[in-house]
N, C-alpha and C. Protein backbone atom coordinates (compact mmCIF):
# COMPACT_ATOMS: atom_id res chain seq x y z
N MET A 1 1.28 -26.95 -3.21
CA MET A 1 1.34 -25.95 -4.25
C MET A 1 -0.06 -25.57 -4.74
N ALA A 2 -0.96 -26.55 -4.82
CA ALA A 2 -2.32 -26.28 -5.28
C ALA A 2 -3.03 -25.30 -4.35
N GLU A 3 -2.70 -25.32 -3.06
CA GLU A 3 -3.33 -24.40 -2.12
C GLU A 3 -2.86 -22.96 -2.34
N ASP A 4 -1.67 -22.76 -2.90
CA ASP A 4 -1.16 -21.43 -3.13
C ASP A 4 -1.92 -20.69 -4.24
N ALA A 5 -2.40 -21.42 -5.25
CA ALA A 5 -3.07 -20.79 -6.38
C ALA A 5 -4.32 -20.02 -5.94
N PRO A 6 -5.24 -20.62 -5.16
CA PRO A 6 -6.41 -19.84 -4.73
C PRO A 6 -6.02 -18.63 -3.89
N ARG A 7 -5.00 -18.78 -3.05
CA ARG A 7 -4.57 -17.65 -2.23
C ARG A 7 -4.06 -16.51 -3.11
N ARG A 8 -3.24 -16.85 -4.11
CA ARG A 8 -2.74 -15.81 -5.01
C ARG A 8 -3.89 -15.14 -5.75
N ARG A 9 -4.86 -15.94 -6.17
CA ARG A 9 -6.01 -15.35 -6.86
C ARG A 9 -6.76 -14.40 -5.91
N ALA A 10 -6.95 -14.79 -4.67
CA ALA A 10 -7.63 -13.93 -3.70
C ALA A 10 -6.81 -12.66 -3.46
N ASP A 11 -5.49 -12.80 -3.34
CA ASP A 11 -4.62 -11.63 -3.18
C ASP A 11 -4.72 -10.72 -4.40
N ALA A 12 -4.71 -11.32 -5.58
CA ALA A 12 -4.80 -10.53 -6.82
C ALA A 12 -6.14 -9.80 -6.88
N GLN A 13 -7.21 -10.46 -6.46
CA GLN A 13 -8.52 -9.80 -6.45
C GLN A 13 -8.56 -8.64 -5.47
N ARG A 14 -7.97 -8.85 -4.28
CA ARG A 14 -7.91 -7.76 -3.29
C ARG A 14 -7.09 -6.60 -3.83
N ASN A 15 -5.94 -6.93 -4.45
CA ASN A 15 -5.10 -5.87 -5.03
C ASN A 15 -5.86 -5.11 -6.12
N GLU A 16 -6.56 -5.85 -6.96
CA GLU A 16 -7.30 -5.18 -8.04
C GLU A 16 -8.38 -4.27 -7.48
N LYS A 17 -9.14 -4.75 -6.49
CA LYS A 17 -10.17 -3.90 -5.89
C LYS A 17 -9.55 -2.68 -5.22
N ALA A 18 -8.46 -2.88 -4.50
CA ALA A 18 -7.77 -1.74 -3.87
C ALA A 18 -7.29 -0.75 -4.92
N LEU A 19 -6.76 -1.26 -6.02
CA LEU A 19 -6.31 -0.39 -7.11
C LEU A 19 -7.47 0.39 -7.71
N LEU A 20 -8.58 -0.28 -7.95
CA LEU A 20 -9.73 0.39 -8.56
C LEU A 20 -10.30 1.45 -7.62
N ASP A 21 -10.39 1.14 -6.34
CA ASP A 21 -10.87 2.13 -5.37
C ASP A 21 -9.91 3.32 -5.29
N ALA A 22 -8.62 3.03 -5.25
CA ALA A 22 -7.61 4.10 -5.17
C ALA A 22 -7.61 4.94 -6.44
N ALA A 23 -7.70 4.29 -7.59
CA ALA A 23 -7.70 5.03 -8.86
C ALA A 23 -8.96 5.89 -8.96
N ALA A 24 -10.10 5.35 -8.55
CA ALA A 24 -11.34 6.14 -8.59
C ALA A 24 -11.21 7.39 -7.73
N ALA A 25 -10.66 7.24 -6.52
CA ALA A 25 -10.47 8.40 -5.64
C ALA A 25 -9.50 9.39 -6.26
N ALA A 26 -8.42 8.89 -6.83
CA ALA A 26 -7.43 9.77 -7.47
C ALA A 26 -8.04 10.48 -8.68
N PHE A 27 -8.85 9.77 -9.47
CA PHE A 27 -9.46 10.39 -10.65
C PHE A 27 -10.46 11.46 -10.25
N VAL A 28 -11.23 11.21 -9.19
CA VAL A 28 -12.17 12.23 -8.73
C VAL A 28 -11.41 13.46 -8.24
N ALA A 29 -10.31 13.24 -7.53
CA ALA A 29 -9.53 14.36 -6.97
C ALA A 29 -8.71 15.10 -8.02
N ALA A 30 -8.11 14.35 -8.96
CA ALA A 30 -7.14 14.98 -9.87
C ALA A 30 -7.36 14.69 -11.34
N GLY A 31 -8.43 14.00 -11.70
CA GLY A 31 -8.69 13.67 -13.10
C GLY A 31 -8.00 12.38 -13.50
N VAL A 32 -8.31 11.92 -14.71
CA VAL A 32 -7.81 10.62 -15.17
C VAL A 32 -6.31 10.62 -15.46
N GLU A 33 -5.69 11.76 -15.41
CA GLU A 33 -4.24 11.82 -15.61
C GLU A 33 -3.47 11.76 -14.29
N ALA A 34 -4.16 11.41 -13.21
CA ALA A 34 -3.49 11.28 -11.90
C ALA A 34 -2.29 10.33 -12.05
N PRO A 35 -1.18 10.66 -11.44
CA PRO A 35 0.02 9.82 -11.58
C PRO A 35 -0.18 8.40 -11.07
N VAL A 36 0.35 7.44 -11.81
CA VAL A 36 0.24 6.03 -11.43
C VAL A 36 0.89 5.80 -10.07
N ARG A 37 1.97 6.47 -9.78
CA ARG A 37 2.64 6.27 -8.49
C ARG A 37 1.73 6.72 -7.34
N GLU A 38 0.90 7.75 -7.56
CA GLU A 38 -0.05 8.20 -6.54
C GLU A 38 -1.14 7.14 -6.33
N ILE A 39 -1.62 6.57 -7.42
CA ILE A 39 -2.64 5.52 -7.33
C ILE A 39 -2.07 4.31 -6.59
N ALA A 40 -0.85 3.91 -6.94
CA ALA A 40 -0.21 2.77 -6.28
C ALA A 40 -0.05 3.03 -4.79
N ALA A 41 0.38 4.24 -4.43
CA ALA A 41 0.56 4.58 -3.02
C ALA A 41 -0.78 4.54 -2.28
N ARG A 42 -1.83 5.08 -2.88
CA ARG A 42 -3.16 5.05 -2.25
C ARG A 42 -3.63 3.61 -2.02
N ALA A 43 -3.27 2.71 -2.97
CA ALA A 43 -3.71 1.32 -2.88
C ALA A 43 -2.79 0.48 -2.00
N GLY A 44 -1.63 1.02 -1.66
CA GLY A 44 -0.68 0.27 -0.84
C GLY A 44 0.02 -0.83 -1.61
N VAL A 45 0.23 -0.59 -2.91
CA VAL A 45 0.92 -1.57 -3.77
C VAL A 45 2.02 -0.85 -4.53
N GLY A 46 2.86 -1.63 -5.19
CA GLY A 46 3.91 -1.04 -6.02
C GLY A 46 3.38 -0.65 -7.39
N VAL A 47 4.10 0.24 -8.05
CA VAL A 47 3.73 0.69 -9.38
C VAL A 47 3.65 -0.49 -10.35
N GLY A 48 4.55 -1.45 -10.20
CA GLY A 48 4.54 -2.63 -11.06
C GLY A 48 3.23 -3.41 -10.96
N THR A 49 2.65 -3.43 -9.78
CA THR A 49 1.36 -4.13 -9.60
C THR A 49 0.27 -3.44 -10.41
N VAL A 50 0.31 -2.11 -10.44
CA VAL A 50 -0.68 -1.38 -11.24
C VAL A 50 -0.57 -1.80 -12.69
N TYR A 51 0.65 -1.81 -13.22
CA TYR A 51 0.85 -2.14 -14.63
C TYR A 51 0.59 -3.62 -14.93
N ARG A 52 0.77 -4.49 -13.96
CA ARG A 52 0.43 -5.91 -14.17
C ARG A 52 -1.07 -6.09 -14.36
N HIS A 53 -1.83 -5.36 -13.60
CA HIS A 53 -3.30 -5.45 -13.71
C HIS A 53 -3.84 -4.64 -14.89
N PHE A 54 -3.24 -3.48 -15.13
CA PHE A 54 -3.74 -2.54 -16.14
C PHE A 54 -2.56 -2.00 -16.96
N PRO A 55 -2.23 -2.67 -18.06
CA PRO A 55 -1.04 -2.30 -18.84
C PRO A 55 -1.05 -0.87 -19.39
N THR A 56 -2.23 -0.32 -19.67
CA THR A 56 -2.30 1.05 -20.19
C THR A 56 -3.22 1.89 -19.30
N ARG A 57 -3.09 3.19 -19.42
CA ARG A 57 -3.98 4.10 -18.68
C ARG A 57 -5.43 3.88 -19.11
N ALA A 58 -5.65 3.67 -20.39
CA ALA A 58 -7.01 3.43 -20.87
C ALA A 58 -7.60 2.18 -20.22
N ASP A 59 -6.80 1.12 -20.07
CA ASP A 59 -7.28 -0.09 -19.39
C ASP A 59 -7.71 0.23 -17.96
N LEU A 60 -6.91 1.03 -17.29
CA LEU A 60 -7.21 1.41 -15.90
C LEU A 60 -8.48 2.26 -15.84
N VAL A 61 -8.59 3.24 -16.72
CA VAL A 61 -9.75 4.13 -16.70
C VAL A 61 -11.03 3.36 -16.98
N VAL A 62 -11.00 2.47 -17.96
CA VAL A 62 -12.19 1.68 -18.29
C VAL A 62 -12.56 0.78 -17.10
N ALA A 63 -11.57 0.16 -16.48
CA ALA A 63 -11.84 -0.71 -15.33
C ALA A 63 -12.42 0.09 -14.17
N VAL A 64 -11.89 1.27 -13.91
CA VAL A 64 -12.41 2.12 -12.84
C VAL A 64 -13.85 2.52 -13.15
N TYR A 65 -14.09 2.88 -14.38
CA TYR A 65 -15.43 3.27 -14.81
C TYR A 65 -16.43 2.14 -14.57
N ARG A 66 -16.10 0.94 -15.02
CA ARG A 66 -16.99 -0.20 -14.82
C ARG A 66 -17.17 -0.50 -13.32
N HIS A 67 -16.08 -0.40 -12.57
CA HIS A 67 -16.12 -0.62 -11.12
C HIS A 67 -17.07 0.38 -10.46
N GLN A 68 -16.98 1.64 -10.86
CA GLN A 68 -17.84 2.66 -10.28
C GLN A 68 -19.30 2.48 -10.70
N VAL A 69 -19.54 2.07 -11.93
CA VAL A 69 -20.91 1.80 -12.36
C VAL A 69 -21.51 0.71 -11.48
N GLU A 70 -20.76 -0.36 -11.30
CA GLU A 70 -21.26 -1.46 -10.47
C GLU A 70 -21.45 -1.03 -9.01
N ALA A 71 -20.57 -0.19 -8.51
CA ALA A 71 -20.73 0.32 -7.14
C ALA A 71 -22.02 1.14 -7.03
N CYS A 72 -22.33 1.94 -8.06
CA CYS A 72 -23.58 2.72 -8.05
C CYS A 72 -24.79 1.81 -8.15
N VAL A 73 -24.69 0.77 -8.95
CA VAL A 73 -25.80 -0.18 -9.07
C VAL A 73 -26.07 -0.83 -7.71
N GLU A 74 -25.01 -1.28 -7.06
CA GLU A 74 -25.15 -1.95 -5.76
C GLU A 74 -25.60 -0.98 -4.67
N ALA A 75 -25.24 0.27 -4.80
CA ALA A 75 -25.58 1.25 -3.76
C ALA A 75 -27.05 1.63 -3.76
N GLY A 76 -27.72 1.54 -4.90
CA GLY A 76 -29.13 1.95 -4.96
C GLY A 76 -29.99 1.25 -3.92
N PRO A 77 -30.06 -0.08 -3.95
CA PRO A 77 -30.88 -0.78 -2.95
C PRO A 77 -30.39 -0.56 -1.51
N ARG A 78 -29.08 -0.45 -1.35
CA ARG A 78 -28.52 -0.22 -0.01
C ARG A 78 -28.95 1.16 0.51
N CYS A 79 -28.93 2.16 -0.36
CA CYS A 79 -29.37 3.50 0.05
C CYS A 79 -30.84 3.48 0.45
N LEU A 80 -31.66 2.78 -0.32
CA LEU A 80 -33.08 2.68 0.02
C LEU A 80 -33.29 2.00 1.37
N ALA A 81 -32.49 0.98 1.64
CA ALA A 81 -32.64 0.24 2.90
C ALA A 81 -32.13 1.03 4.11
N GLU A 82 -31.10 1.84 3.91
CA GLU A 82 -30.44 2.49 5.04
C GLU A 82 -30.84 3.94 5.28
N ALA A 83 -31.28 4.65 4.26
CA ALA A 83 -31.62 6.06 4.43
C ALA A 83 -32.94 6.21 5.16
N PRO A 84 -33.08 7.28 5.91
CA PRO A 84 -34.32 7.46 6.67
C PRO A 84 -35.55 7.68 5.78
N THR A 85 -35.34 8.19 4.56
CA THR A 85 -36.45 8.44 3.63
C THR A 85 -36.00 8.08 2.21
N PRO A 86 -36.95 7.84 1.32
CA PRO A 86 -36.57 7.60 -0.07
C PRO A 86 -35.85 8.79 -0.71
N TYR A 87 -36.24 10.01 -0.34
CA TYR A 87 -35.54 11.18 -0.85
C TYR A 87 -34.10 11.20 -0.35
N GLY A 88 -33.90 10.83 0.90
CA GLY A 88 -32.55 10.73 1.45
C GLY A 88 -31.74 9.69 0.69
N ALA A 89 -32.37 8.58 0.34
CA ALA A 89 -31.70 7.53 -0.44
C ALA A 89 -31.31 8.07 -1.82
N LEU A 90 -32.22 8.79 -2.44
CA LEU A 90 -31.95 9.37 -3.76
C LEU A 90 -30.77 10.34 -3.70
N THR A 91 -30.75 11.21 -2.70
CA THR A 91 -29.66 12.18 -2.62
C THR A 91 -28.32 11.50 -2.34
N ARG A 92 -28.31 10.47 -1.50
CA ARG A 92 -27.07 9.73 -1.25
C ARG A 92 -26.57 9.08 -2.53
N TRP A 93 -27.49 8.47 -3.26
CA TRP A 93 -27.12 7.79 -4.50
C TRP A 93 -26.60 8.78 -5.54
N ILE A 94 -27.25 9.94 -5.63
CA ILE A 94 -26.80 10.94 -6.61
C ILE A 94 -25.39 11.43 -6.27
N ASP A 95 -25.03 11.51 -5.00
CA ASP A 95 -23.65 11.86 -4.64
C ASP A 95 -22.66 10.87 -5.23
N LEU A 96 -22.97 9.57 -5.15
CA LEU A 96 -22.11 8.55 -5.75
C LEU A 96 -22.09 8.68 -7.27
N PHE A 97 -23.23 8.97 -7.82
CA PHE A 97 -23.36 9.15 -9.27
C PHE A 97 -22.49 10.32 -9.75
N VAL A 98 -22.44 11.39 -8.97
CA VAL A 98 -21.60 12.55 -9.34
C VAL A 98 -20.13 12.13 -9.40
N ASP A 99 -19.67 11.36 -8.42
CA ASP A 99 -18.28 10.87 -8.46
C ASP A 99 -18.02 10.07 -9.74
N LEU A 100 -18.96 9.22 -10.10
CA LEU A 100 -18.83 8.45 -11.32
C LEU A 100 -18.76 9.36 -12.55
N LEU A 101 -19.61 10.36 -12.58
CA LEU A 101 -19.65 11.24 -13.75
C LEU A 101 -18.39 12.06 -13.90
N VAL A 102 -17.82 12.50 -12.81
CA VAL A 102 -16.57 13.26 -12.89
C VAL A 102 -15.49 12.40 -13.54
N THR A 103 -15.44 11.12 -13.18
CA THR A 103 -14.50 10.20 -13.81
C THR A 103 -14.86 9.97 -15.26
N LYS A 104 -16.15 9.83 -15.55
CA LYS A 104 -16.61 9.53 -16.91
C LYS A 104 -16.20 10.62 -17.88
N HIS A 105 -16.23 11.87 -17.45
CA HIS A 105 -15.89 12.94 -18.38
C HIS A 105 -14.44 12.89 -18.82
N GLY A 106 -13.59 12.28 -18.03
CA GLY A 106 -12.21 12.09 -18.46
C GLY A 106 -12.01 10.84 -19.29
N LEU A 107 -13.04 10.01 -19.35
CA LEU A 107 -12.94 8.73 -20.05
C LEU A 107 -12.69 8.91 -21.54
N ALA A 108 -13.41 9.80 -22.17
CA ALA A 108 -13.25 9.99 -23.62
C ALA A 108 -11.82 10.40 -23.96
N ALA A 109 -11.25 11.28 -23.16
CA ALA A 109 -9.88 11.70 -23.41
C ALA A 109 -8.90 10.54 -23.24
N ALA A 110 -9.14 9.70 -22.25
CA ALA A 110 -8.24 8.58 -22.00
C ALA A 110 -8.31 7.54 -23.11
N LEU A 111 -9.49 7.38 -23.70
CA LEU A 111 -9.65 6.39 -24.77
C LEU A 111 -9.24 6.95 -26.13
N ARG A 112 -9.10 8.26 -26.21
CA ARG A 112 -8.71 8.96 -27.41
C ARG A 112 -9.56 8.56 -28.63
N SER A 113 -9.04 7.78 -29.51
CA SER A 113 -9.73 7.54 -30.78
C SER A 113 -10.63 6.31 -30.76
N ASP A 114 -10.75 5.62 -29.66
CA ASP A 114 -11.54 4.39 -29.62
C ASP A 114 -13.00 4.69 -29.30
N SER A 115 -13.71 5.31 -30.25
CA SER A 115 -15.10 5.69 -30.01
C SER A 115 -16.01 4.47 -29.88
N THR A 116 -15.65 3.34 -30.49
CA THR A 116 -16.44 2.13 -30.36
C THR A 116 -16.47 1.66 -28.92
N GLN A 117 -15.30 1.65 -28.29
CA GLN A 117 -15.23 1.24 -26.89
C GLN A 117 -16.00 2.22 -26.01
N PHE A 118 -15.87 3.51 -26.28
CA PHE A 118 -16.58 4.52 -25.50
C PHE A 118 -18.09 4.35 -25.66
N ASP A 119 -18.58 4.12 -26.88
CA ASP A 119 -20.01 3.93 -27.12
C ASP A 119 -20.53 2.70 -26.38
N ALA A 120 -19.76 1.62 -26.40
CA ALA A 120 -20.17 0.40 -25.68
C ALA A 120 -20.25 0.67 -24.18
N LEU A 121 -19.31 1.43 -23.65
CA LEU A 121 -19.34 1.76 -22.23
C LEU A 121 -20.53 2.64 -21.88
N HIS A 122 -20.87 3.55 -22.78
CA HIS A 122 -22.02 4.42 -22.53
C HIS A 122 -23.31 3.59 -22.48
N SER A 123 -23.45 2.63 -23.38
CA SER A 123 -24.62 1.75 -23.37
C SER A 123 -24.66 0.94 -22.08
N TYR A 124 -23.52 0.43 -21.67
CA TYR A 124 -23.41 -0.31 -20.41
C TYR A 124 -23.85 0.57 -19.24
N PHE A 125 -23.38 1.78 -19.23
CA PHE A 125 -23.71 2.78 -18.21
C PHE A 125 -25.23 2.94 -18.11
N LEU A 126 -25.88 3.20 -19.23
CA LEU A 126 -27.33 3.40 -19.22
C LEU A 126 -28.09 2.13 -18.83
N ASP A 127 -27.68 1.01 -19.41
CA ASP A 127 -28.36 -0.26 -19.11
C ASP A 127 -28.30 -0.61 -17.63
N ARG A 128 -27.20 -0.34 -16.99
CA ARG A 128 -27.02 -0.70 -15.58
C ARG A 128 -27.63 0.33 -14.62
N LEU A 129 -27.52 1.62 -14.96
CA LEU A 129 -27.89 2.65 -14.00
C LEU A 129 -29.31 3.19 -14.13
N LEU A 130 -29.88 3.20 -15.32
CA LEU A 130 -31.24 3.72 -15.47
C LEU A 130 -32.25 2.99 -14.58
N PRO A 131 -32.23 1.66 -14.51
CA PRO A 131 -33.20 1.00 -13.62
C PRO A 131 -33.03 1.37 -12.15
N VAL A 132 -31.80 1.59 -11.73
CA VAL A 132 -31.54 1.96 -10.33
C VAL A 132 -32.09 3.36 -10.06
N ALA A 133 -31.78 4.29 -10.95
CA ALA A 133 -32.28 5.66 -10.79
C ALA A 133 -33.81 5.68 -10.83
N ALA A 134 -34.38 4.88 -11.72
CA ALA A 134 -35.84 4.82 -11.83
C ALA A 134 -36.47 4.32 -10.53
N ARG A 135 -35.87 3.29 -9.94
CA ARG A 135 -36.40 2.74 -8.69
C ARG A 135 -36.32 3.76 -7.55
N LEU A 136 -35.21 4.48 -7.47
CA LEU A 136 -35.05 5.49 -6.43
C LEU A 136 -36.04 6.64 -6.62
N LEU A 137 -36.20 7.10 -7.85
CA LEU A 137 -37.17 8.17 -8.13
C LEU A 137 -38.59 7.71 -7.84
N GLU A 138 -38.91 6.48 -8.23
CA GLU A 138 -40.24 5.94 -7.99
C GLU A 138 -40.54 5.87 -6.49
N ALA A 139 -39.58 5.41 -5.71
CA ALA A 139 -39.78 5.32 -4.26
C ALA A 139 -39.99 6.70 -3.66
N ALA A 140 -39.19 7.68 -4.10
CA ALA A 140 -39.33 9.04 -3.57
C ALA A 140 -40.65 9.67 -4.02
N ALA A 141 -41.08 9.39 -5.25
CA ALA A 141 -42.36 9.91 -5.72
C ALA A 141 -43.52 9.25 -4.99
N ASP A 142 -43.43 7.92 -4.80
CA ASP A 142 -44.49 7.19 -4.08
C ASP A 142 -44.65 7.70 -2.65
N SER A 143 -43.56 8.16 -2.06
CA SER A 143 -43.62 8.68 -0.69
C SER A 143 -44.09 10.14 -0.65
N GLY A 144 -44.25 10.74 -1.83
CA GLY A 144 -44.69 12.13 -1.91
C GLY A 144 -43.57 13.14 -1.72
N GLU A 145 -42.32 12.67 -1.70
CA GLU A 145 -41.20 13.57 -1.44
C GLU A 145 -40.71 14.30 -2.69
N VAL A 146 -40.86 13.69 -3.86
CA VAL A 146 -40.44 14.34 -5.10
C VAL A 146 -41.59 14.33 -6.09
N ARG A 147 -41.46 15.17 -7.07
CA ARG A 147 -42.46 15.25 -8.13
C ARG A 147 -42.62 13.88 -8.79
N SER A 148 -43.80 13.59 -9.25
CA SER A 148 -44.06 12.28 -9.86
C SER A 148 -43.94 12.32 -11.38
N ASP A 149 -43.66 13.47 -11.95
CA ASP A 149 -43.58 13.58 -13.40
C ASP A 149 -42.15 13.52 -13.93
N LEU A 150 -41.23 12.98 -13.14
CA LEU A 150 -39.83 12.92 -13.52
C LEU A 150 -39.47 11.56 -14.11
N GLU A 151 -38.64 11.57 -15.11
CA GLU A 151 -38.11 10.34 -15.70
C GLU A 151 -36.66 10.21 -15.26
N ALA A 152 -36.24 8.99 -15.00
CA ALA A 152 -34.86 8.74 -14.55
C ALA A 152 -33.85 9.27 -15.57
N TYR A 153 -34.12 9.08 -16.84
CA TYR A 153 -33.18 9.54 -17.86
C TYR A 153 -33.01 11.05 -17.78
N GLU A 154 -34.10 11.79 -17.59
CA GLU A 154 -34.02 13.25 -17.50
C GLU A 154 -33.15 13.69 -16.33
N VAL A 155 -33.39 13.06 -15.19
CA VAL A 155 -32.63 13.42 -13.99
C VAL A 155 -31.16 13.06 -14.17
N MET A 156 -30.89 11.86 -14.66
CA MET A 156 -29.50 11.46 -14.88
C MET A 156 -28.81 12.38 -15.88
N ARG A 157 -29.50 12.73 -16.94
CA ARG A 157 -28.91 13.62 -17.94
C ARG A 157 -28.67 15.00 -17.36
N GLY A 158 -29.62 15.50 -16.56
CA GLY A 158 -29.45 16.81 -15.92
C GLY A 158 -28.25 16.82 -14.99
N VAL A 159 -28.13 15.78 -14.16
CA VAL A 159 -26.97 15.68 -13.26
C VAL A 159 -25.69 15.59 -14.09
N GLY A 160 -25.73 14.78 -15.15
CA GLY A 160 -24.56 14.64 -16.01
C GLY A 160 -24.12 15.95 -16.63
N ASN A 161 -25.08 16.72 -17.11
CA ASN A 161 -24.74 18.01 -17.72
C ASN A 161 -24.13 18.96 -16.70
N LEU A 162 -24.61 18.90 -15.47
CA LEU A 162 -24.06 19.77 -14.43
C LEU A 162 -22.64 19.38 -14.02
N CYS A 163 -22.25 18.15 -14.33
CA CYS A 163 -20.91 17.67 -13.97
C CYS A 163 -19.86 17.96 -15.03
N ILE A 164 -20.28 18.40 -16.20
CA ILE A 164 -19.33 18.68 -17.28
C ILE A 164 -18.40 19.81 -16.84
N GLY A 165 -17.12 19.57 -16.98
CA GLY A 165 -16.11 20.57 -16.65
C GLY A 165 -15.65 20.54 -15.20
N ALA A 166 -16.32 19.77 -14.36
CA ALA A 166 -15.96 19.72 -12.94
C ALA A 166 -14.57 19.14 -12.73
N ASP A 167 -14.13 18.30 -13.66
CA ASP A 167 -12.83 17.66 -13.50
C ASP A 167 -11.66 18.58 -13.84
N ASN A 168 -11.93 19.74 -14.45
CA ASN A 168 -10.80 20.60 -14.80
C ASN A 168 -11.03 22.08 -14.47
N ASP A 169 -12.02 22.39 -13.66
CA ASP A 169 -12.27 23.78 -13.26
C ASP A 169 -12.40 23.84 -11.74
N PRO A 170 -11.33 24.23 -11.05
CA PRO A 170 -11.37 24.24 -9.58
C PRO A 170 -12.37 25.24 -9.00
N ARG A 171 -12.85 26.18 -9.80
CA ARG A 171 -13.83 27.15 -9.31
C ARG A 171 -15.25 26.61 -9.33
N TYR A 172 -15.44 25.46 -10.00
CA TYR A 172 -16.78 24.90 -10.16
C TYR A 172 -16.99 23.71 -9.25
N ASP A 173 -18.00 23.78 -8.42
CA ASP A 173 -18.33 22.69 -7.49
C ASP A 173 -19.59 21.99 -7.99
N ALA A 174 -19.39 20.95 -8.78
CA ALA A 174 -20.52 20.24 -9.37
C ALA A 174 -21.46 19.69 -8.30
N ARG A 175 -20.90 19.17 -7.22
CA ARG A 175 -21.74 18.57 -6.18
C ARG A 175 -22.69 19.63 -5.59
N ARG A 176 -22.21 20.85 -5.43
CA ARG A 176 -23.05 21.92 -4.89
C ARG A 176 -24.19 22.26 -5.85
N VAL A 177 -23.86 22.37 -7.14
CA VAL A 177 -24.88 22.71 -8.13
C VAL A 177 -25.87 21.56 -8.31
N VAL A 178 -25.37 20.33 -8.29
CA VAL A 178 -26.26 19.17 -8.36
C VAL A 178 -27.19 19.16 -7.14
N GLY A 179 -26.70 19.58 -5.99
CA GLY A 179 -27.54 19.68 -4.80
C GLY A 179 -28.72 20.61 -5.01
N VAL A 180 -28.48 21.70 -5.74
CA VAL A 180 -29.58 22.63 -6.06
C VAL A 180 -30.60 21.92 -6.95
N LEU A 181 -30.12 21.17 -7.94
CA LEU A 181 -31.03 20.42 -8.81
C LEU A 181 -31.84 19.41 -8.00
N VAL A 182 -31.17 18.66 -7.15
CA VAL A 182 -31.85 17.63 -6.36
C VAL A 182 -32.89 18.26 -5.43
N ALA A 183 -32.56 19.41 -4.84
CA ALA A 183 -33.54 20.12 -4.00
C ALA A 183 -34.76 20.51 -4.83
N GLY A 184 -34.55 20.84 -6.09
CA GLY A 184 -35.65 21.22 -6.98
C GLY A 184 -36.53 20.05 -7.38
N LEU A 185 -36.12 18.83 -7.10
CA LEU A 185 -36.96 17.66 -7.41
C LEU A 185 -38.08 17.50 -6.40
N ARG A 186 -37.96 18.16 -5.26
CA ARG A 186 -38.92 18.00 -4.17
C ARG A 186 -40.34 18.32 -4.66
N ALA A 187 -41.30 17.59 -4.15
CA ALA A 187 -42.70 17.85 -4.46
C ALA A 187 -43.04 19.25 -3.98
N GLY A 188 -43.71 20.00 -4.82
CA GLY A 188 -44.08 21.37 -4.47
C GLY A 188 -43.02 22.39 -4.81
N ALA A 189 -41.79 21.94 -5.18
CA ALA A 189 -40.75 22.89 -5.57
C ALA A 189 -41.06 23.39 -6.98
N SER A 190 -40.81 24.65 -7.19
CA SER A 190 -41.04 25.17 -8.54
C SER A 190 -39.94 26.07 -8.98
């Protein structure tokens, strides 16, 4: 019986990760109001499993948000290691960041009146992601690929502002507009 407990915990962790990945994809595609049954189907689990892990939609949205923040944090060094150039690493990372931001804009609505929880998440977001963005910008600037007078906060805020409304306006392609911004970061671009 003792051997079953670690296995169940490993299964529960796999289910939770699958749920978070599925919910993140559903939120990017359809917003934070994506049906729970769709999220469960994407994850290959039953609806009851979703509710066992995340009793409320707000619980699910917050967990997805934290999961995506950590995925962006982990992706920064990986992008630098795998991309052919630091600018390529920066653009790959910003694509992931855009997915996170589209989900984030639905976060406030999902939390409704819990501004304390939202403020804590925003601080967490900045504390975790600013150093990653700064490292990517620094590497791209050191290589001469982007302007050296950019601050990570400015770039993150600019990308964030361009993502506002992307979750509820099918005519607006935030990724395309962010691509224009990222192209403008290039050294010599004006």
